[in-house]
Amino acid sequence: MEKKCAKRHVAVIESCVMSEMGLSHLFNASAFSMYTLHFFKNYAAFESAALKMPFFSVLFSLSGLRAQRIDCLKSLLKLAQAYPSAQRIVLAQDETEVRLMSLLSPSSLHGIISKTLAIGPLQEQLALLLHNTHRLNENIINDWYISKNNGLSPTERAILHYMTYGYSMPEIANCMSRNIKTVRAHKFNAMTKLGVHSDAGLLDAADILMHISVDRKPPAVHMFA
């Protein structure tokens, strides 16, 4: 019979030393006394440790830099496939990224929390998620975001996919055999649905959709002269 007081191992994948220090401080609260924290700079280091130790939960901190964030998103997908029994919680850069991850990521995630929260609410949400085994689409913290998702149309999703490859609006219009005004209208609709107000925000959404969404198949890529 398993002892109730047994410690649960929690992996934290965080490349930033300052963020690591902050999370260590966060877990000093009594609500986390049953957890033992293990920090890893990248997914490869976590995988090596996971061969020897079962992890109850994995906290994956997303990077603010696009190239590193894409690597994080790819690793999240690997994590879900390789360790389906482990709880998966994402620490996002801000509330906008929380919303985008909630709208576009698959239900294999158990929760998404913004790192910009004050320490009190951050501890409260993290403790709630760690004590919870529900997936994202069942999680009360993310219900508000899920209920607001009107869904992207196939055309809107295709535009986001092209954006991840660095295509301009004229190039996307050419690939899709659409008038550029029509493509821009679909782009605006996607921004409205996702609650983003810039091309950078839409590109963040495109990266999430491309790398961890259940709809990851990219559109056909046409070469330009």
C-alpha atoms as a PDB file:
ATOM      1  CA  MET A   1       0.000   0.000   0.000  1.00  0.00           C
ATOM      2  CA  GLU A   2       1.394   3.371  -1.029  1.00  0.00           C
ATOM      3  CA  LYS A   3       2.152   5.783   1.772  1.00  0.00           C
ATOM      4  CA  LYS A   4      -0.001   8.904   1.708  1.00  0.00           C
ATOM      5  CA  CYS A   5       2.930  11.052   2.842  1.00  0.00           C
ATOM      6  CA  ALA A   6       5.140   9.990  -0.072  1.00  0.00           C
ATOM      7  CA  LYS A   7       6.630  12.924  -1.949  1.00  0.00           C
ATOM      8  CA  ARG A   8       5.559  13.540  -5.528  1.00  0.00           C
ATOM      9  CA  HIS A   9       8.303  14.490  -7.958  1.00  0.00           C
ATOM     10  CA  VAL A  10       7.658  17.586 -10.077  1.00  0.00           C
ATOM     11  CA  ALA A  11       9.884  18.435 -13.035  1.00  0.00           C
ATOM     12  CA  VAL A  12      10.320  22.087 -14.007  1.00  0.00           C
ATOM     13  CA  ILE A  13      11.766  22.762 -17.455  1.00  0.00           C
ATOM     14  CA  GLU A  14      13.078  26.322 -17.258  1.00  0.00           C
ATOM     15  CA  SER A  15      16.086  27.766 -19.089  1.00  0.00           C
ATOM     16  CA  CYS A  16      16.151  31.097 -17.224  1.00  0.00           C
ATOM     17  CA  VAL A  17      18.116  31.090 -13.930  1.00  0.00           C
ATOM     18  CA  MET A  18      16.112  34.016 -12.497  1.00  0.00           C
ATOM     19  CA  SER A  19      12.801  32.297 -13.243  1.00  0.00           C
ATOM     20  CA  GLU A  20      14.154  29.113 -11.663  1.00  0.00           C
ATOM     21  CA  MET A  21      14.938  31.025  -8.477  1.00  0.00           C
ATOM     22  CA  GLY A  22      11.453  32.532  -8.444  1.00  0.00           C
ATOM     23  CA  LEU A  23       9.772  29.151  -8.863  1.00  0.00           C
ATOM     24  CA  SER A  24      11.930  27.667  -6.097  1.00  0.00           C
ATOM     25  CA  HIS A  25      10.719  30.415  -3.785  1.00  0.00           C
ATOM     26  CA  LEU A  26       7.146  29.828  -4.920  1.00  0.00           C
ATOM     27  CA  PHE A  27       7.282  26.184  -3.827  1.00  0.00           C
ATOM     28  CA  ASN A  28       8.375  27.069  -0.293  1.00  0.00           C
ATOM     29  CA  ALA A  29       4.721  27.545   0.656  1.00  0.00           C
ATOM     30  CA  SER A  30       3.123  24.852   2.835  1.00  0.00           C
ATOM     31  CA  ALA A  31       0.660  23.994   0.035  1.00  0.00           C
ATOM     32  CA  PHE A  32       3.559  22.411  -1.858  1.00  0.00           C
ATOM     33  CA  SER A  33       5.074  20.426   1.015  1.00  0.00           C
ATOM     34  CA  MET A  34       4.180  17.103  -0.626  1.00  0.00           C
ATOM     35  CA  TYR A  35       6.153  17.911  -3.797  1.00  0.00           C
ATOM     36  CA  THR A  36       9.855  17.667  -4.563  1.00  0.00           C
ATOM     37  CA  LEU A  37      11.046  20.004  -7.304  1.00  0.00           C
ATOM     38  CA  HIS A  38      13.610  19.071  -9.969  1.00  0.00           C
ATOM     39  CA  PHE A  39      14.850  21.764 -12.390  1.00  0.00           C
ATOM     40  CA  PHE A  40      16.009  21.084 -15.948  1.00  0.00           C
ATOM     41  CA  LYS A  41      17.418  23.565 -18.453  1.00  0.00           C
ATOM     42  CA  ASN A  42      15.891  21.787 -21.448  1.00  0.00           C
ATOM     43  CA  TYR A  43      13.732  18.840 -22.487  1.00  0.00           C
ATOM     44  CA  ALA A  44      16.720  16.590 -23.222  1.00  0.00           C
ATOM     45  CA  ALA A  45      17.938  16.931 -19.623  1.00  0.00           C
ATOM     46  CA  PHE A  46      14.446  16.104 -18.353  1.00  0.00           C
ATOM     47  CA  GLU A  47      14.232  13.009 -20.589  1.00  0.00           C
ATOM     48  CA  SER A  48      17.496  11.693 -19.203  1.00  0.00           C
ATOM     49  CA  ALA A  49      16.225  12.035 -15.628  1.00  0.00           C
ATOM     50  CA  ALA A  50      12.803  10.589 -16.488  1.00  0.00           C
ATOM     51  CA  LEU A  51      14.449   7.278 -17.366  1.00  0.00           C
ATOM     52  CA  LYS A  52      15.341   6.838 -13.680  1.00  0.00           C
ATOM     53  CA  MET A  53      12.560   8.690 -11.861  1.00  0.00           C
ATOM     54  CA  PRO A  54       8.775   8.837 -12.352  1.00  0.00           C
ATOM     55  CA  PHE A  55       7.470  12.410 -12.449  1.00  0.00           C
ATOM     56  CA  PHE A  56       3.969  13.157 -11.249  1.00  0.00           C
ATOM     57  CA  SER A  57       3.892  16.535 -12.980  1.00  0.00           C
ATOM     58  CA  VAL A  58       5.932  18.535 -15.486  1.00  0.00           C
ATOM     59  CA  LEU A  59       5.885  22.338 -15.468  1.00  0.00           C
ATOM     60  CA  PHE A  60       7.006  23.637 -18.844  1.00  0.00           C
ATOM     61  CA  SER A  61       8.035  27.297 -18.926  1.00  0.00           C
ATOM     62  CA  LEU A  62       7.668  28.887 -22.368  1.00  0.00           C
ATOM     63  CA  SER A  63      10.474  31.153 -23.554  1.00  0.00           C
ATOM     64  CA  GLY A  64       9.874  34.714 -24.666  1.00  0.00           C
ATOM     65  CA  LEU A  65      12.142  34.305 -27.715  1.00  0.00           C
ATOM     66  CA  ARG A  66      10.422  32.853 -30.787  1.00  0.00           C
ATOM     67  CA  ALA A  67      13.049  30.267 -31.755  1.00  0.00           C
ATOM     68  CA  GLN A  68      13.292  28.952 -28.190  1.00  0.00           C
ATOM     69  CA  ARG A  69       9.525  29.048 -27.766  1.00  0.00           C
ATOM     70  CA  ILE A  70       9.058  26.910 -30.890  1.00  0.00           C
ATOM     71  CA  ASP A  71      11.479  24.367 -29.403  1.00  0.00           C
ATOM     72  CA  CYS A  72       9.398  24.430 -26.215  1.00  0.00           C
ATOM     73  CA  LEU A  73       6.187  23.822 -28.152  1.00  0.00           C
ATOM     74  CA  LYS A  74       7.722  20.890 -30.024  1.00  0.00           C
ATOM     75  CA  SER A  75       8.922  19.425 -26.738  1.00  0.00           C
ATOM     76  CA  LEU A  76       5.442  19.754 -25.241  1.00  0.00           C
ATOM     77  CA  LEU A  77       4.119  17.519 -27.982  1.00  0.00           C
ATOM     78  CA  LYS A  78       6.897  14.979 -27.348  1.00  0.00           C
ATOM     79  CA  LEU A  79       6.116  15.107 -23.641  1.00  0.00           C
ATOM     80  CA  ALA A  80       2.446  14.278 -24.181  1.00  0.00           C
ATOM     81  CA  GLN A  81       3.343  11.357 -26.431  1.00  0.00           C
ATOM     82  CA  ALA A  82       6.190   9.905 -24.355  1.00  0.00           C
ATOM     83  CA  TYR A  83       4.763  10.438 -20.844  1.00  0.00           C
ATOM     84  CA  PRO A  84       0.953  10.369 -21.138  1.00  0.00           C
ATOM     85  CA  SER A  85       0.452   9.657 -17.428  1.00  0.00           C
ATOM     86  CA  ALA A  86       2.386  12.743 -16.285  1.00  0.00           C
ATOM     87  CA  GLN A  87       0.523  15.928 -15.525  1.00  0.00           C
ATOM     88  CA  ARG A  88       1.461  18.707 -17.963  1.00  0.00           C
ATOM     89  CA  ILE A  89       1.242  22.359 -16.911  1.00  0.00           C
ATOM     90  CA  VAL A  90       2.443  25.288 -19.025  1.00  0.00           C
ATOM     91  CA  LEU A  91       3.831  28.492 -17.545  1.00  0.00           C
ATOM     92  CA  ALA A  92       3.077  31.125 -20.186  1.00  0.00           C
ATOM     93  CA  GLN A  93       4.703  34.529 -20.648  1.00  0.00           C
ATOM     94  CA  ASP A  94       1.518  36.536 -20.083  1.00  0.00           C
ATOM     95  CA  GLU A  95      -2.293  36.413 -20.173  1.00  0.00           C
ATOM     96  CA  THR A  96      -2.354  36.739 -23.971  1.00  0.00           C
ATOM     97  CA  GLU A  97      -0.253  33.598 -24.326  1.00  0.00           C
ATOM     98  CA  VAL A  98      -2.463  31.834 -21.760  1.00  0.00           C
ATOM     99  CA  ARG A  99      -5.491  32.599 -23.911  1.00  0.00           C
ATOM    100  CA  LEU A 100      -3.815  31.482 -27.134  1.00  0.00           C
ATOM    101  CA  MET A 101      -2.552  28.246 -25.588  1.00  0.00           C
ATOM    102  CA  SER A 102      -5.993  27.537 -24.141  1.00  0.00           C
ATOM    103  CA  LEU A 103      -7.733  28.154 -27.448  1.00  0.00           C
ATOM    104  CA  LEU A 104      -5.323  26.326 -29.727  1.00  0.00           C
ATOM    105  CA  SER A 105      -3.593  23.598 -27.737  1.00  0.00           C
ATOM    106  CA  PRO A 106      -4.962  20.059 -27.440  1.00  0.00           C
ATOM    107  CA  SER A 107      -6.653  18.800 -24.283  1.00  0.00           C
ATOM    108  CA  SER A 108      -3.547  16.794 -23.370  1.00  0.00           C
ATOM    109  CA  LEU A 109      -2.482  19.791 -21.272  1.00  0.00           C
ATOM    110  CA  HIS A 110      -3.730  19.931 -17.683  1.00  0.00           C
ATOM    111  CA  GLY A 111      -3.385  23.662 -17.164  1.00  0.00           C
ATOM    112  CA  ILE A 112      -1.877  26.954 -18.306  1.00  0.00           C
ATOM    113  CA  ILE A 113      -0.804  29.739 -15.948  1.00  0.00           C
ATOM    114  CA  SER A 114       0.589  33.200 -16.640  1.00  0.00           C
ATOM    115  CA  LYS A 115       3.983  33.946 -15.081  1.00  0.00           C
ATOM    116  CA  THR A 116       2.914  37.579 -14.732  1.00  0.00           C
ATOM    117  CA  LEU A 117       0.451  36.784 -11.935  1.00  0.00           C
ATOM    118  CA  ALA A 118       1.181  38.110  -8.459  1.00  0.00           C
ATOM    119  CA  ILE A 119       2.777  35.494  -6.216  1.00  0.00           C
ATOM    120  CA  GLY A 120      -0.414  34.856  -4.206  1.00  0.00           C
ATOM    121  CA  PRO A 121      -2.713  34.050  -7.172  1.00  0.00           C
ATOM    122  CA  LEU A 122       0.140  32.187  -8.890  1.00  0.00           C
ATOM    123  CA  GLN A 123       0.612  29.921  -5.866  1.00  0.00           C
ATOM    124  CA  GLU A 124      -3.140  29.402  -5.567  1.00  0.00           C
ATOM    125  CA  GLN A 125      -3.611  28.396  -9.211  1.00  0.00           C
ATOM    126  CA  LEU A 126      -0.525  26.204  -9.252  1.00  0.00           C
ATOM    127  CA  ALA A 127      -1.568  24.395  -6.076  1.00  0.00           C
ATOM    128  CA  LEU A 128      -5.048  23.829  -7.510  1.00  0.00           C
ATOM    129  CA  LEU A 129      -3.661  22.380 -10.736  1.00  0.00           C
ATOM    130  CA  LEU A 130      -1.164  20.122  -8.992  1.00  0.00           C
ATOM    131  CA  HIS A 131      -3.938  18.670  -6.831  1.00  0.00           C
ATOM    132  CA  ASN A 132      -6.108  18.186  -9.910  1.00  0.00           C
ATOM    133  CA  THR A 133      -5.887  15.457 -12.555  1.00  0.00           C
ATOM    134  CA  HIS A 134      -8.341  16.977 -15.050  1.00  0.00           C
ATOM    135  CA  ARG A 135      -7.237  17.802 -18.568  1.00  0.00           C
ATOM    136  CA  LEU A 136      -7.355  21.335 -19.976  1.00  0.00           C
ATOM    137  CA  ASN A 137     -10.852  21.043 -21.431  1.00  0.00           C
ATOM    138  CA  GLU A 138     -12.148  19.947 -18.012  1.00  0.00           C
ATOM    139  CA  ASN A 139     -10.121  22.396 -15.948  1.00  0.00           C
ATOM    140  CA  ILE A 140     -12.045  25.156 -14.177  1.00  0.00           C
ATOM    141  CA  ILE A 141      -9.135  27.616 -14.403  1.00  0.00           C
ATOM    142  CA  ASN A 142      -9.246  27.572 -18.204  1.00  0.00           C
ATOM    143  CA  ASP A 143     -13.020  27.235 -18.700  1.00  0.00           C
ATOM    144  CA  TRP A 144     -13.421  30.946 -19.419  1.00  0.00           C
ATOM    145  CA  TYR A 145     -10.921  30.833 -22.269  1.00  0.00           C
ATOM    146  CA  ILE A 146     -12.359  27.657 -23.755  1.00  0.00           C
ATOM    147  CA  SER A 147     -15.920  29.055 -23.694  1.00  0.00           C
ATOM    148  CA  LYS A 148     -14.786  32.131 -25.611  1.00  0.00           C
ATOM    149  CA  ASN A 149     -13.292  30.142 -28.495  1.00  0.00           C
ATOM    150  CA  ASN A 150     -15.456  30.651 -31.567  1.00  0.00           C
ATOM    151  CA  GLY A 151     -13.171  28.394 -33.612  1.00  0.00           C
ATOM    152  CA  LEU A 152     -10.980  29.291 -36.547  1.00  0.00           C
ATOM    153  CA  SER A 153     -12.207  28.531 -40.046  1.00  0.00           C
ATOM    154  CA  PRO A 154     -10.102  26.278 -42.338  1.00  0.00           C
ATOM    155  CA  THR A 155      -9.050  29.376 -44.301  1.00  0.00           C
ATOM    156  CA  GLU A 156      -7.995  31.215 -41.151  1.00  0.00           C
ATOM    157  CA  ARG A 157      -6.008  28.193 -39.987  1.00  0.00           C
ATOM    158  CA  ALA A 158      -4.314  27.915 -43.383  1.00  0.00           C
ATOM    159  CA  ILE A 159      -3.248  31.564 -43.214  1.00  0.00           C
ATOM    160  CA  LEU A 160      -1.721  30.996 -39.772  1.00  0.00           C
ATOM    161  CA  HIS A 161       0.126  27.943 -41.044  1.00  0.00           C
ATOM    162  CA  TYR A 162       1.639  29.942 -43.909  1.00  0.00           C
ATOM    163  CA  MET A 163       2.687  32.660 -41.473  1.00  0.00           C
ATOM    164  CA  THR A 164       4.885  30.213 -39.558  1.00  0.00           C
ATOM    165  CA  TYR A 165       6.943  29.790 -42.743  1.00  0.00           C
ATOM    166  CA  GLY A 166       7.415  33.547 -43.036  1.00  0.00           C
ATOM    167  CA  TYR A 167       5.084  34.084 -45.990  1.00  0.00           C
ATOM    168  CA  SER A 168       3.856  37.633 -46.653  1.00  0.00           C
ATOM    169  CA  MET A 169       0.178  38.423 -47.270  1.00  0.00           C
ATOM    170  CA  PRO A 170       0.675  38.707 -51.077  1.00  0.00           C
ATOM    171  CA  GLU A 171       2.477  35.346 -51.100  1.00  0.00           C
ATOM    172  CA  ILE A 172      -0.268  33.725 -49.028  1.00  0.00           C
ATOM    173  CA  ALA A 173      -2.913  35.131 -51.365  1.00  0.00           C
ATOM    174  CA  ASN A 174      -1.024  33.684 -54.323  1.00  0.00           C
ATOM    175  CA  CYS A 175      -0.677  30.247 -52.665  1.00  0.00           C
ATOM    176  CA  MET A 176      -4.371  30.146 -51.802  1.00  0.00           C
ATOM    177  CA  SER A 177      -5.494  31.610 -55.140  1.00  0.00           C
ATOM    178  CA  ARG A 178      -7.375  34.312 -53.287  1.00  0.00           C
ATOM    179  CA  ASN A 179      -7.640  38.072 -53.613  1.00  0.00           C
ATOM    180  CA  ILE A 180      -5.292  39.745 -51.144  1.00  0.00           C
ATOM    181  CA  LYS A 181      -8.171  41.785 -49.708  1.00  0.00           C
ATOM    182  CA  THR A 182     -10.004  38.535 -48.956  1.00  0.00           C
ATOM    183  CA  VAL A 183      -6.925  37.067 -47.267  1.00  0.00           C
ATOM    184  CA  ARG A 184      -6.481  40.202 -45.174  1.00  0.00           C
ATOM    185  CA  ALA A 185     -10.148  40.017 -44.146  1.00  0.00           C
ATOM    186  CA  HIS A 186      -9.678  36.410 -42.980  1.00  0.00           C
ATOM    187  CA  LYS A 187      -6.526  37.448 -41.158  1.00  0.00           C
ATOM    188  CA  PHE A 188      -8.441  40.209 -39.345  1.00  0.00           C
ATOM    189  CA  ASN A 189     -11.195  37.755 -38.413  1.00  0.00           C
ATOM    190  CA  ALA A 190      -8.601  35.377 -36.957  1.00  0.00           C
ATOM    191  CA  MET A 191      -7.073  38.204 -34.915  1.00  0.00           C
ATOM    192  CA  THR A 192     -10.510  39.129 -33.576  1.00  0.00           C
ATOM    193  CA  LYS A 193     -11.341  35.543 -32.596  1.00  0.00           C
ATOM    194  CA  LEU A 194      -7.987  35.071 -30.892  1.00  0.00           C
ATOM    195  CA  GLY A 195      -7.986  38.444 -29.186  1.00  0.00           C
ATOM    196  CA  VAL A 196      -4.635  39.572 -30.605  1.00  0.00           C
ATOM    197  CA  HIS A 197      -3.933  43.043 -31.946  1.00  0.00           C
ATOM    198  CA  SER A 198      -0.702  42.703 -33.909  1.00  0.00           C
ATOM    199  CA  ASP A 199       1.054  40.516 -36.451  1.00  0.00           C
ATOM    200  CA  ALA A 200       3.432  39.403 -33.674  1.00  0.00           C
ATOM    201  CA  GLY A 201       0.490  38.161 -31.608  1.00  0.00           C
ATOM    202  CA  LEU A 202      -0.956  36.348 -34.602  1.00  0.00           C
ATOM    203  CA  LEU A 203       2.429  34.765 -35.297  1.00  0.00           C
ATOM    204  CA  ASP A 204       2.492  33.474 -31.710  1.00  0.00           C
ATOM    205  CA  ALA A 205      -0.886  31.863 -32.371  1.00  0.00           C
ATOM    206  CA  ALA A 206       0.377  30.436 -35.664  1.00  0.00           C
ATOM    207  CA  ASP A 207       3.365  28.829 -33.910  1.00  0.00           C
ATOM    208  CA  ILE A 208       1.107  27.214 -31.304  1.00  0.00           C
ATOM    209  CA  LEU A 209      -1.300  25.951 -33.952  1.00  0.00           C
ATOM    210  CA  MET A 210       1.545  24.578 -36.048  1.00  0.00           C
ATOM    211  CA  HIS A 211       3.565  22.824 -33.384  1.00  0.00           C
ATOM    212  CA  ILE A 212       1.216  21.436 -30.714  1.00  0.00           C
ATOM    213  CA  SER A 213      -2.339  21.657 -31.984  1.00  0.00           C
ATOM    214  CA  VAL A 214      -4.190  18.534 -33.060  1.00  0.00           C
ATOM    215  CA  ASP A 215      -4.377  20.280 -36.454  1.00  0.00           C
ATOM    216  CA  ARG A 216      -0.645  20.371 -37.194  1.00  0.00           C
ATOM    217  CA  LYS A 217      -0.659  19.454 -40.889  1.00  0.00           C
ATOM    218  CA  PRO A 218       0.805  22.399 -42.823  1.00  0.00           C
ATOM    219  CA  PRO A 219      -0.648  23.621 -46.089  1.00  0.00           C
ATOM    220  CA  ALA A 220       1.089  22.785 -49.338  1.00  0.00           C
ATOM    221  CA  VAL A 221       4.151  25.001 -49.697  1.00  0.00           C
ATOM    222  CA  HIS A 222       4.603  26.646 -53.093  1.00  0.00           C
ATOM    223  CA  MET A 223       7.963  27.907 -54.258  1.00  0.00           C
ATOM    224  CA  PHE A 224       8.340  31.436 -55.536  1.00  0.00           C
ATOM    225  CA  ALA A 225      10.640  32.654 -58.252  1.00  0.00           C
END
